[in-house]
Amino acid sequence: MSLRTTPLAFGYGTNGLADLRLDDALALLADLGYDGVGLTLDHMHLDPLAPGLAGRTGRLARRLDALGLAVTVETGARYVLDARRKHGPTLLEADPDDRDRRVGLLLTAVRVAADLGAHAVHCFSGVTPPGTDEDTAWKRLPDALTPVVDAATAAGVPLAVEPEPGHLLATLADFHRLREAL
């Protein structure tokens, strides 16, 4: 489902309703008049690492459609990949296997977004790891995001990279630097 063509649409992030079952949260948001949701891929709503993701995503797509809710897929779950590191691992990790785990989550998010008819996948760069200089981090970020951008392009799902204070990509100028690097 796409967003309305009106100048303003209201959405709500499901991570703000983590204590509710996803179906209950969606029904509540639809009843309150929201136009869409930011669906955080996490253990409490749509666990990207649990078995049967494709089937669960299909059921969710039908439910969103029935409720008239548009969706953006959010990838900022705090501990979905590592129970000990908030938002870790990031796209900037020194260990390529760690970076690959984050890339894998983003590729899963793109598939989920395509299956849901989402209007975007949202992600962020992450903070620069201790001991990593800024130039190295700026080399890692586009390298890590390239397969995600390719998958998102092939799926027809825009990738929304958020400038986040304290992260490597923190400003609009940083966003444009990344865009040029990609």
N, C-alpha and C. Protein backbone atom coordinates (compact mmCIF):
# COMPACT_ATOMS: atom_id res chain seq x y z
N MET A 1 0.84 -1.17 0.00
CA MET A 1 0.00 0.00 0.00
C MET A 1 0.89 1.23 0.00
N SER A 2 0.52 2.26 -0.70
CA SER A 2 1.31 3.48 -0.72
C SER A 2 0.66 4.53 0.18
N LEU A 3 1.46 5.50 0.55
CA LEU A 3 0.93 6.58 1.37
C LEU A 3 -0.09 7.39 0.59
N ARG A 4 -0.97 8.02 1.31
CA ARG A 4 -1.94 8.92 0.68
C ARG A 4 -1.23 10.00 -0.11
N THR A 5 -1.95 10.59 -1.05
CA THR A 5 -1.36 11.67 -1.83
C THR A 5 -1.64 13.03 -1.20
N THR A 6 -2.14 13.05 0.03
CA THR A 6 -2.34 14.30 0.74
C THR A 6 -0.99 14.84 1.20
N PRO A 7 -0.91 16.14 1.51
CA PRO A 7 0.38 16.72 1.86
C PRO A 7 0.99 16.19 3.16
N LEU A 8 0.17 15.61 4.02
CA LEU A 8 0.69 15.18 5.30
C LEU A 8 0.07 13.84 5.69
N ALA A 9 0.91 12.90 6.06
CA ALA A 9 0.45 11.60 6.53
C ALA A 9 1.13 11.33 7.87
N PHE A 10 0.43 10.65 8.76
CA PHE A 10 0.97 10.36 10.07
C PHE A 10 1.23 8.88 10.23
N GLY A 11 2.44 8.56 10.70
CA GLY A 11 2.81 7.19 11.00
C GLY A 11 3.34 7.10 12.41
N TYR A 12 3.41 5.89 12.92
CA TYR A 12 3.89 5.66 14.28
C TYR A 12 4.81 4.45 14.27
N GLY A 13 5.94 4.55 14.98
CA GLY A 13 6.89 3.45 15.04
C GLY A 13 6.44 2.35 15.97
N THR A 14 6.44 1.12 15.49
CA THR A 14 5.97 0.00 16.31
C THR A 14 6.84 -0.24 17.53
N ASN A 15 8.10 0.23 17.50
CA ASN A 15 8.94 0.03 18.69
C ASN A 15 8.39 0.80 19.89
N GLY A 16 7.52 1.78 19.66
CA GLY A 16 6.87 2.49 20.74
C GLY A 16 5.72 1.71 21.37
N LEU A 17 5.38 0.59 20.76
CA LEU A 17 4.30 -0.27 21.26
C LEU A 17 4.81 -1.70 21.49
N ALA A 18 6.03 -1.81 21.95
CA ALA A 18 6.68 -3.11 22.10
C ALA A 18 5.97 -4.03 23.09
N ASP A 19 5.16 -3.47 23.97
CA ASP A 19 4.46 -4.31 24.95
C ASP A 19 3.17 -4.90 24.40
N LEU A 20 2.81 -4.52 23.18
CA LEU A 20 1.60 -5.06 22.55
C LEU A 20 1.98 -6.07 21.48
N ARG A 21 1.12 -7.06 21.28
CA ARG A 21 1.27 -7.94 20.13
C ARG A 21 1.16 -7.08 18.87
N LEU A 22 1.87 -7.45 17.83
CA LEU A 22 1.88 -6.64 16.62
C LEU A 22 0.48 -6.41 16.08
N ASP A 23 -0.34 -7.44 16.02
CA ASP A 23 -1.69 -7.26 15.49
C ASP A 23 -2.49 -6.26 16.33
N ASP A 24 -2.34 -6.33 17.64
CA ASP A 24 -3.03 -5.38 18.52
C ASP A 24 -2.51 -3.96 18.30
N ALA A 25 -1.20 -3.82 18.16
CA ALA A 25 -0.60 -2.50 17.93
C ALA A 25 -1.10 -1.91 16.62
N LEU A 26 -1.14 -2.72 15.56
CA LEU A 26 -1.61 -2.22 14.26
C LEU A 26 -3.07 -1.81 14.32
N ALA A 27 -3.90 -2.63 14.96
CA ALA A 27 -5.32 -2.29 15.08
C ALA A 27 -5.49 -0.99 15.86
N LEU A 28 -4.73 -0.83 16.93
CA LEU A 28 -4.80 0.40 17.72
C LEU A 28 -4.43 1.61 16.87
N LEU A 29 -3.34 1.51 16.12
CA LEU A 29 -2.90 2.64 15.30
C LEU A 29 -3.92 2.98 14.21
N ALA A 30 -4.48 1.96 13.60
CA ALA A 30 -5.51 2.20 12.59
C ALA A 30 -6.73 2.87 13.22
N ASP A 31 -7.14 2.39 14.39
CA ASP A 31 -8.28 2.98 15.10
C ASP A 31 -8.03 4.43 15.49
N LEU A 32 -6.78 4.76 15.78
CA LEU A 32 -6.43 6.13 16.15
C LEU A 32 -6.29 7.06 14.95
N GLY A 33 -6.37 6.49 13.74
CA GLY A 33 -6.33 7.30 12.54
C GLY A 33 -4.97 7.48 11.89
N TYR A 34 -3.99 6.70 12.34
CA TYR A 34 -2.68 6.78 11.69
C TYR A 34 -2.77 6.28 10.26
N ASP A 35 -1.91 6.83 9.41
CA ASP A 35 -1.87 6.44 8.00
C ASP A 35 -0.89 5.30 7.75
N GLY A 36 0.09 5.15 8.63
CA GLY A 36 1.11 4.14 8.41
C GLY A 36 1.88 3.83 9.67
N VAL A 37 2.81 2.89 9.52
CA VAL A 37 3.65 2.47 10.64
C VAL A 37 5.10 2.36 10.19
N GLY A 38 5.99 2.63 11.12
CA GLY A 38 7.38 2.29 10.97
C GLY A 38 7.56 0.96 11.68
N LEU A 39 7.72 -0.10 10.93
CA LEU A 39 7.78 -1.45 11.48
C LEU A 39 9.23 -1.80 11.81
N THR A 40 9.55 -1.87 13.09
CA THR A 40 10.89 -2.23 13.52
C THR A 40 11.04 -3.75 13.49
N LEU A 41 12.01 -4.22 12.71
CA LEU A 41 12.29 -5.66 12.67
C LEU A 41 13.00 -6.02 13.97
N ASP A 42 12.27 -6.71 14.85
CA ASP A 42 12.82 -7.08 16.15
C ASP A 42 12.05 -8.27 16.69
N HIS A 43 12.54 -8.86 17.77
CA HIS A 43 11.96 -10.08 18.31
C HIS A 43 10.51 -9.94 18.72
N MET A 44 10.07 -8.74 19.12
CA MET A 44 8.72 -8.61 19.66
C MET A 44 7.64 -8.46 18.60
N HIS A 45 7.97 -8.09 17.38
CA HIS A 45 6.93 -7.89 16.38
C HIS A 45 7.17 -8.73 15.13
N LEU A 46 8.14 -8.41 14.36
CA LEU A 46 8.47 -9.23 13.19
C LEU A 46 9.95 -9.58 13.29
N ASP A 47 10.22 -10.71 13.90
CA ASP A 47 11.60 -11.14 14.16
C ASP A 47 12.24 -11.57 12.85
N PRO A 48 13.27 -10.83 12.40
CA PRO A 48 13.89 -11.16 11.13
C PRO A 48 14.75 -12.42 11.18
N LEU A 49 15.04 -12.92 12.38
CA LEU A 49 15.91 -14.08 12.52
C LEU A 49 15.16 -15.36 12.85
N ALA A 50 13.87 -15.26 13.12
CA ALA A 50 13.08 -16.44 13.47
C ALA A 50 12.62 -17.18 12.22
N PRO A 51 12.37 -18.47 12.35
CA PRO A 51 11.91 -19.26 11.20
C PRO A 51 10.57 -18.74 10.65
N GLY A 52 10.35 -19.01 9.38
CA GLY A 52 9.06 -18.70 8.77
C GLY A 52 8.84 -17.23 8.46
N LEU A 53 9.91 -16.49 8.23
CA LEU A 53 9.78 -15.05 8.00
C LEU A 53 8.90 -14.75 6.78
N ALA A 54 9.06 -15.47 5.71
CA ALA A 54 8.27 -15.18 4.50
C ALA A 54 6.77 -15.35 4.77
N GLY A 55 6.39 -16.40 5.45
CA GLY A 55 4.98 -16.62 5.77
C GLY A 55 4.44 -15.55 6.70
N ARG A 56 5.22 -15.22 7.72
CA ARG A 56 4.79 -14.18 8.65
C ARG A 56 4.68 -12.83 7.96
N THR A 57 5.59 -12.58 7.03
CA THR A 57 5.55 -11.32 6.29
C THR A 57 4.32 -11.27 5.39
N GLY A 58 3.98 -12.38 4.75
CA GLY A 58 2.78 -12.42 3.91
C GLY A 58 1.52 -12.14 4.71
N ARG A 59 1.41 -12.75 5.88
CA ARG A 59 0.25 -12.49 6.74
C ARG A 59 0.20 -11.03 7.17
N LEU A 60 1.35 -10.48 7.48
CA LEU A 60 1.42 -9.09 7.89
C LEU A 60 1.02 -8.16 6.75
N ALA A 61 1.44 -8.47 5.54
CA ALA A 61 1.07 -7.64 4.38
C ALA A 61 -0.45 -7.60 4.22
N ARG A 62 -1.08 -8.74 4.38
CA ARG A 62 -2.55 -8.78 4.27
C ARG A 62 -3.21 -7.98 5.39
N ARG A 63 -2.65 -8.05 6.58
CA ARG A 63 -3.23 -7.31 7.71
C ARG A 63 -3.06 -5.80 7.53
N LEU A 64 -1.88 -5.37 7.11
CA LEU A 64 -1.66 -3.95 6.86
C LEU A 64 -2.62 -3.43 5.79
N ASP A 65 -2.80 -4.21 4.75
CA ASP A 65 -3.71 -3.82 3.68
C ASP A 65 -5.14 -3.71 4.21
N ALA A 66 -5.57 -4.69 4.99
CA ALA A 66 -6.94 -4.68 5.54
C ALA A 66 -7.16 -3.47 6.45
N LEU A 67 -6.12 -3.03 7.14
CA LEU A 67 -6.23 -1.89 8.04
C LEU A 67 -5.99 -0.55 7.34
N GLY A 68 -5.54 -0.61 6.09
CA GLY A 68 -5.26 0.61 5.35
C GLY A 68 -4.02 1.34 5.83
N LEU A 69 -3.05 0.59 6.32
CA LEU A 69 -1.82 1.18 6.84
C LEU A 69 -0.66 1.00 5.87
N ALA A 70 0.02 2.09 5.54
CA ALA A 70 1.27 2.03 4.79
C ALA A 70 2.37 1.63 5.77
N VAL A 71 3.52 1.27 5.24
CA VAL A 71 4.59 0.79 6.11
C VAL A 71 5.96 1.21 5.59
N THR A 72 6.83 1.52 6.54
CA THR A 72 8.27 1.68 6.32
C THR A 72 8.93 0.64 7.20
N VAL A 73 9.94 -0.02 6.69
CA VAL A 73 10.65 -1.03 7.48
C VAL A 73 11.84 -0.36 8.16
N GLU A 74 11.87 -0.50 9.48
CA GLU A 74 12.90 0.10 10.32
C GLU A 74 13.91 -0.97 10.74
N THR A 75 15.19 -0.61 10.77
CA THR A 75 16.22 -1.59 11.12
C THR A 75 17.02 -1.18 12.35
N GLY A 76 16.45 -0.33 13.18
CA GLY A 76 17.16 0.18 14.34
C GLY A 76 16.89 -0.54 15.64
N ALA A 77 16.48 -1.80 15.58
CA ALA A 77 16.26 -2.56 16.81
C ALA A 77 17.55 -2.57 17.62
N ARG A 78 17.42 -2.41 18.91
CA ARG A 78 18.60 -2.22 19.75
C ARG A 78 19.49 -3.45 19.86
N TYR A 79 18.91 -4.62 20.04
CA TYR A 79 19.72 -5.80 20.33
C TYR A 79 19.39 -6.98 19.42
N VAL A 80 18.86 -6.74 18.26
CA VAL A 80 18.42 -7.84 17.39
C VAL A 80 19.58 -8.71 16.92
N LEU A 81 20.74 -8.14 16.73
CA LEU A 81 21.89 -8.91 16.24
C LEU A 81 22.87 -9.31 17.33
N ASP A 82 22.87 -8.58 18.42
CA ASP A 82 23.84 -8.84 19.48
C ASP A 82 23.22 -8.43 20.81
N ALA A 83 22.99 -9.38 21.67
CA ALA A 83 22.33 -9.13 22.95
C ALA A 83 23.17 -8.28 23.90
N ARG A 84 24.44 -8.07 23.58
CA ARG A 84 25.32 -7.33 24.48
C ARG A 84 25.74 -5.96 23.96
N ARG A 85 25.43 -5.68 22.68
CA ARG A 85 25.85 -4.40 22.11
C ARG A 85 24.66 -3.70 21.47
N LYS A 86 24.25 -2.61 22.05
CA LYS A 86 23.13 -1.83 21.52
C LYS A 86 23.45 -1.41 20.09
N HIS A 87 22.56 -1.72 19.17
CA HIS A 87 22.68 -1.40 17.75
C HIS A 87 23.89 -2.06 17.09
N GLY A 88 24.48 -3.05 17.74
CA GLY A 88 25.65 -3.68 17.17
C GLY A 88 25.30 -5.01 16.51
N PRO A 89 26.12 -5.46 15.65
CA PRO A 89 27.23 -4.76 15.03
C PRO A 89 26.72 -3.74 14.00
N THR A 90 27.58 -2.78 13.68
CA THR A 90 27.22 -1.75 12.72
C THR A 90 27.90 -2.01 11.38
N LEU A 91 27.65 -1.12 10.45
CA LEU A 91 28.28 -1.19 9.13
C LEU A 91 29.74 -0.76 9.17
N LEU A 92 30.22 -0.33 10.32
CA LEU A 92 31.56 0.24 10.44
C LEU A 92 32.54 -0.63 11.21
N GLU A 93 32.12 -1.80 11.62
CA GLU A 93 32.96 -2.67 12.46
C GLU A 93 34.27 -3.03 11.77
N ALA A 94 35.31 -3.23 12.57
CA ALA A 94 36.60 -3.66 12.04
C ALA A 94 36.51 -5.08 11.49
N ASP A 95 35.74 -5.92 12.16
CA ASP A 95 35.58 -7.32 11.74
C ASP A 95 34.62 -7.41 10.56
N PRO A 96 35.10 -7.87 9.40
CA PRO A 96 34.21 -7.95 8.24
C PRO A 96 33.01 -8.87 8.45
N ASP A 97 33.17 -9.90 9.28
CA ASP A 97 32.03 -10.78 9.57
C ASP A 97 30.94 -10.03 10.34
N ASP A 98 31.35 -9.15 11.24
CA ASP A 98 30.38 -8.32 11.96
C ASP A 98 29.66 -7.38 11.00
N ARG A 99 30.42 -6.72 10.11
CA ARG A 99 29.78 -5.85 9.12
C ARG A 99 28.81 -6.65 8.28
N ASP A 100 29.21 -7.85 7.90
CA ASP A 100 28.34 -8.71 7.08
C ASP A 100 27.04 -9.07 7.80
N ARG A 101 27.09 -9.21 9.11
CA ARG A 101 25.85 -9.50 9.86
C ARG A 101 24.87 -8.34 9.74
N ARG A 102 25.37 -7.10 9.83
CA ARG A 102 24.50 -5.93 9.68
C ARG A 102 23.99 -5.85 8.24
N VAL A 103 24.87 -6.09 7.27
CA VAL A 103 24.45 -6.08 5.87
C VAL A 103 23.38 -7.14 5.65
N GLY A 104 23.57 -8.31 6.25
CA GLY A 104 22.56 -9.37 6.12
C GLY A 104 21.21 -8.95 6.65
N LEU A 105 21.20 -8.25 7.79
CA LEU A 105 19.93 -7.75 8.33
C LEU A 105 19.30 -6.76 7.36
N LEU A 106 20.10 -5.88 6.79
CA LEU A 106 19.56 -4.89 5.86
C LEU A 106 19.04 -5.55 4.59
N LEU A 107 19.70 -6.59 4.11
CA LEU A 107 19.21 -7.32 2.94
C LEU A 107 17.89 -8.02 3.26
N THR A 108 17.79 -8.56 4.45
CA THR A 108 16.51 -9.15 4.89
C THR A 108 15.44 -8.08 4.95
N ALA A 109 15.78 -6.92 5.45
CA ALA A 109 14.82 -5.81 5.54
C ALA A 109 14.33 -5.41 4.16
N VAL A 110 15.20 -5.41 3.18
CA VAL A 110 14.80 -5.07 1.81
C VAL A 110 13.81 -6.10 1.29
N ARG A 111 14.08 -7.39 1.54
CA ARG A 111 13.14 -8.44 1.08
C ARG A 111 11.78 -8.29 1.78
N VAL A 112 11.81 -8.05 3.08
CA VAL A 112 10.57 -7.85 3.83
C VAL A 112 9.83 -6.64 3.29
N ALA A 113 10.54 -5.55 3.07
CA ALA A 113 9.92 -4.33 2.56
C ALA A 113 9.27 -4.56 1.20
N ALA A 114 9.96 -5.28 0.33
CA ALA A 114 9.38 -5.57 -0.99
C ALA A 114 8.12 -6.41 -0.84
N ASP A 115 8.15 -7.40 0.04
CA ASP A 115 6.98 -8.26 0.24
C ASP A 115 5.81 -7.53 0.89
N LEU A 116 6.12 -6.50 1.67
CA LEU A 116 5.07 -5.72 2.33
C LEU A 116 4.56 -4.57 1.46
N GLY A 117 5.27 -4.28 0.38
CA GLY A 117 4.92 -3.10 -0.41
C GLY A 117 5.30 -1.81 0.32
N ALA A 118 6.35 -1.89 1.14
CA ALA A 118 6.78 -0.74 1.94
C ALA A 118 7.32 0.36 1.04
N HIS A 119 7.19 1.58 1.51
CA HIS A 119 7.69 2.68 0.70
C HIS A 119 9.16 2.98 0.97
N ALA A 120 9.80 2.33 1.95
CA ALA A 120 11.23 2.53 2.19
C ALA A 120 11.73 1.56 3.26
N VAL A 121 13.04 1.37 3.27
CA VAL A 121 13.76 0.71 4.36
C VAL A 121 14.63 1.78 4.98
N HIS A 122 14.56 1.89 6.29
CA HIS A 122 15.31 2.90 7.03
C HIS A 122 16.51 2.24 7.70
N CYS A 123 17.67 2.91 7.62
CA CYS A 123 18.86 2.42 8.32
C CYS A 123 19.72 3.60 8.74
N PHE A 124 20.85 3.32 9.36
CA PHE A 124 21.79 4.33 9.83
C PHE A 124 23.19 3.78 9.70
N SER A 125 24.18 4.64 9.82
CA SER A 125 25.57 4.20 9.67
C SER A 125 26.09 3.46 10.89
N GLY A 126 25.74 3.93 12.06
CA GLY A 126 26.32 3.45 13.30
C GLY A 126 27.44 4.37 13.75
N VAL A 127 27.85 4.19 14.99
CA VAL A 127 28.95 5.00 15.52
C VAL A 127 30.28 4.40 15.08
N THR A 128 31.27 5.25 14.96
CA THR A 128 32.60 4.78 14.60
C THR A 128 33.17 4.00 15.77
N PRO A 129 33.58 2.75 15.53
CA PRO A 129 34.10 1.93 16.64
C PRO A 129 35.38 2.52 17.23
N PRO A 130 35.60 2.30 18.51
CA PRO A 130 36.85 2.75 19.13
C PRO A 130 38.05 2.19 18.37
N GLY A 131 39.06 3.04 18.18
CA GLY A 131 40.27 2.61 17.49
C GLY A 131 40.18 2.69 15.98
N THR A 132 39.04 3.14 15.45
CA THR A 132 38.86 3.26 14.00
C THR A 132 38.91 4.74 13.64
N ASP A 133 39.80 5.11 12.72
CA ASP A 133 39.87 6.51 12.32
C ASP A 133 38.73 6.81 11.33
N GLU A 134 38.42 8.08 11.21
CA GLU A 134 37.27 8.51 10.40
C GLU A 134 37.43 8.12 8.93
N ASP A 135 38.63 8.24 8.36
CA ASP A 135 38.83 7.88 6.96
C ASP A 135 38.52 6.40 6.72
N THR A 136 38.97 5.55 7.63
CA THR A 136 38.69 4.12 7.51
C THR A 136 37.19 3.87 7.59
N ALA A 137 36.53 4.51 8.54
CA ALA A 137 35.08 4.35 8.67
C ALA A 137 34.36 4.79 7.40
N TRP A 138 34.82 5.90 6.82
CA TRP A 138 34.18 6.39 5.59
C TRP A 138 34.46 5.47 4.39
N LYS A 139 35.49 4.66 4.45
CA LYS A 139 35.72 3.65 3.39
C LYS A 139 34.81 2.45 3.62
N ARG A 140 34.61 2.07 4.87
CA ARG A 140 33.78 0.90 5.17
C ARG A 140 32.31 1.13 4.85
N LEU A 141 31.81 2.33 5.14
CA LEU A 141 30.38 2.57 5.00
C LEU A 141 29.87 2.35 3.58
N PRO A 142 30.41 2.98 2.56
CA PRO A 142 29.89 2.71 1.21
C PRO A 142 30.14 1.29 0.74
N ASP A 143 31.26 0.70 1.16
CA ASP A 143 31.52 -0.69 0.80
C ASP A 143 30.45 -1.61 1.37
N ALA A 144 30.08 -1.37 2.62
CA ALA A 144 29.06 -2.20 3.26
C ALA A 144 27.67 -1.95 2.67
N LEU A 145 27.38 -0.72 2.33
CA LEU A 145 26.03 -0.39 1.83
C LEU A 145 25.81 -0.72 0.36
N THR A 146 26.87 -0.90 -0.41
CA THR A 146 26.70 -1.14 -1.85
C THR A 146 25.79 -2.34 -2.14
N PRO A 147 25.97 -3.51 -1.52
CA PRO A 147 25.05 -4.61 -1.85
C PRO A 147 23.61 -4.33 -1.40
N VAL A 148 23.46 -3.53 -0.36
CA VAL A 148 22.12 -3.19 0.12
C VAL A 148 21.45 -2.24 -0.87
N VAL A 149 22.19 -1.25 -1.34
CA VAL A 149 21.66 -0.33 -2.35
C VAL A 149 21.29 -1.11 -3.62
N ASP A 150 22.14 -2.04 -4.02
CA ASP A 150 21.86 -2.84 -5.22
C ASP A 150 20.57 -3.66 -5.04
N ALA A 151 20.44 -4.30 -3.87
CA ALA A 151 19.24 -5.11 -3.62
C ALA A 151 17.99 -4.23 -3.54
N ALA A 152 18.11 -3.09 -2.89
CA ALA A 152 16.96 -2.18 -2.78
C ALA A 152 16.56 -1.66 -4.15
N THR A 153 17.53 -1.32 -4.98
CA THR A 153 17.24 -0.85 -6.33
C THR A 153 16.53 -1.94 -7.13
N ALA A 154 17.05 -3.16 -7.06
CA ALA A 154 16.44 -4.28 -7.79
C ALA A 154 15.02 -4.55 -7.30
N ALA A 155 14.77 -4.35 -6.02
CA ALA A 155 13.45 -4.61 -5.44
C ALA A 155 12.50 -3.42 -5.61
N GLY A 156 13.04 -2.28 -6.03
CA GLY A 156 12.20 -1.09 -6.17
C GLY A 156 11.81 -0.48 -4.84
N VAL A 157 12.67 -0.66 -3.83
CA VAL A 157 12.40 -0.14 -2.49
C VAL A 157 13.47 0.90 -2.15
N PRO A 158 13.09 2.15 -1.94
CA PRO A 158 14.09 3.15 -1.56
C PRO A 158 14.75 2.82 -0.23
N LEU A 159 16.04 3.13 -0.15
CA LEU A 159 16.79 2.96 1.08
C LEU A 159 16.94 4.34 1.71
N ALA A 160 16.46 4.51 2.92
CA ALA A 160 16.52 5.79 3.63
C ALA A 160 17.60 5.70 4.69
N VAL A 161 18.68 6.44 4.50
CA VAL A 161 19.79 6.44 5.45
C VAL A 161 19.66 7.70 6.30
N GLU A 162 19.49 7.50 7.60
CA GLU A 162 19.23 8.62 8.50
C GLU A 162 20.51 9.22 9.07
N PRO A 163 20.68 10.53 8.91
CA PRO A 163 21.75 11.18 9.66
C PRO A 163 21.37 11.14 11.15
N GLU A 164 22.26 10.61 11.95
CA GLU A 164 21.97 10.42 13.37
C GLU A 164 23.09 11.05 14.19
N PRO A 165 22.76 11.99 15.08
CA PRO A 165 23.81 12.60 15.91
C PRO A 165 24.62 11.53 16.64
N GLY A 166 25.93 11.69 16.62
CA GLY A 166 26.83 10.76 17.28
C GLY A 166 27.28 9.62 16.37
N HIS A 167 26.62 9.45 15.24
CA HIS A 167 27.02 8.41 14.28
C HIS A 167 28.01 8.99 13.28
N LEU A 168 28.67 8.13 12.52
CA LEU A 168 29.56 8.61 11.47
C LEU A 168 28.79 9.52 10.52
N LEU A 169 27.64 9.04 10.05
CA LEU A 169 26.79 9.84 9.18
C LEU A 169 25.82 10.59 10.09
N ALA A 170 26.18 11.83 10.43
CA ALA A 170 25.44 12.58 11.45
C ALA A 170 24.70 13.79 10.89
N THR A 171 25.06 14.23 9.69
CA THR A 171 24.51 15.47 9.14
C THR A 171 24.07 15.26 7.70
N LEU A 172 23.35 16.23 7.18
CA LEU A 172 22.98 16.17 5.76
C LEU A 172 24.21 16.23 4.87
N ALA A 173 25.23 16.97 5.28
CA ALA A 173 26.48 16.99 4.51
C ALA A 173 27.09 15.59 4.45
N ASP A 174 27.03 14.86 5.57
CA ASP A 174 27.52 13.48 5.59
C ASP A 174 26.71 12.60 4.64
N PHE A 175 25.38 12.81 4.63
CA PHE A 175 24.52 12.05 3.73
C PHE A 175 24.97 12.27 2.28
N HIS A 176 25.22 13.50 1.92
CA HIS A 176 25.65 13.80 0.54
C HIS A 176 27.03 13.21 0.25
N ARG A 177 27.89 13.17 1.25
CA ARG A 177 29.19 12.52 1.08
C ARG A 177 29.00 11.04 0.77
N LEU A 178 28.10 10.39 1.51
CA LEU A 178 27.81 8.97 1.26
C LEU A 178 27.21 8.78 -0.13
N ARG A 179 26.28 9.63 -0.48
CA ARG A 179 25.62 9.53 -1.80
C ARG A 179 26.66 9.61 -2.91
N GLU A 180 27.59 10.53 -2.79
CA GLU A 180 28.65 10.66 -3.80
C GLU A 180 29.57 9.44 -3.81
N ALA A 181 29.85 8.88 -2.64
CA ALA A 181 30.71 7.70 -2.55
C ALA A 181 30.06 6.48 -3.17
N LEU A 182 28.74 6.42 -3.07
CA LEU A 182 28.01 5.28 -3.65
C LEU A 182 27.84 5.44 -5.14
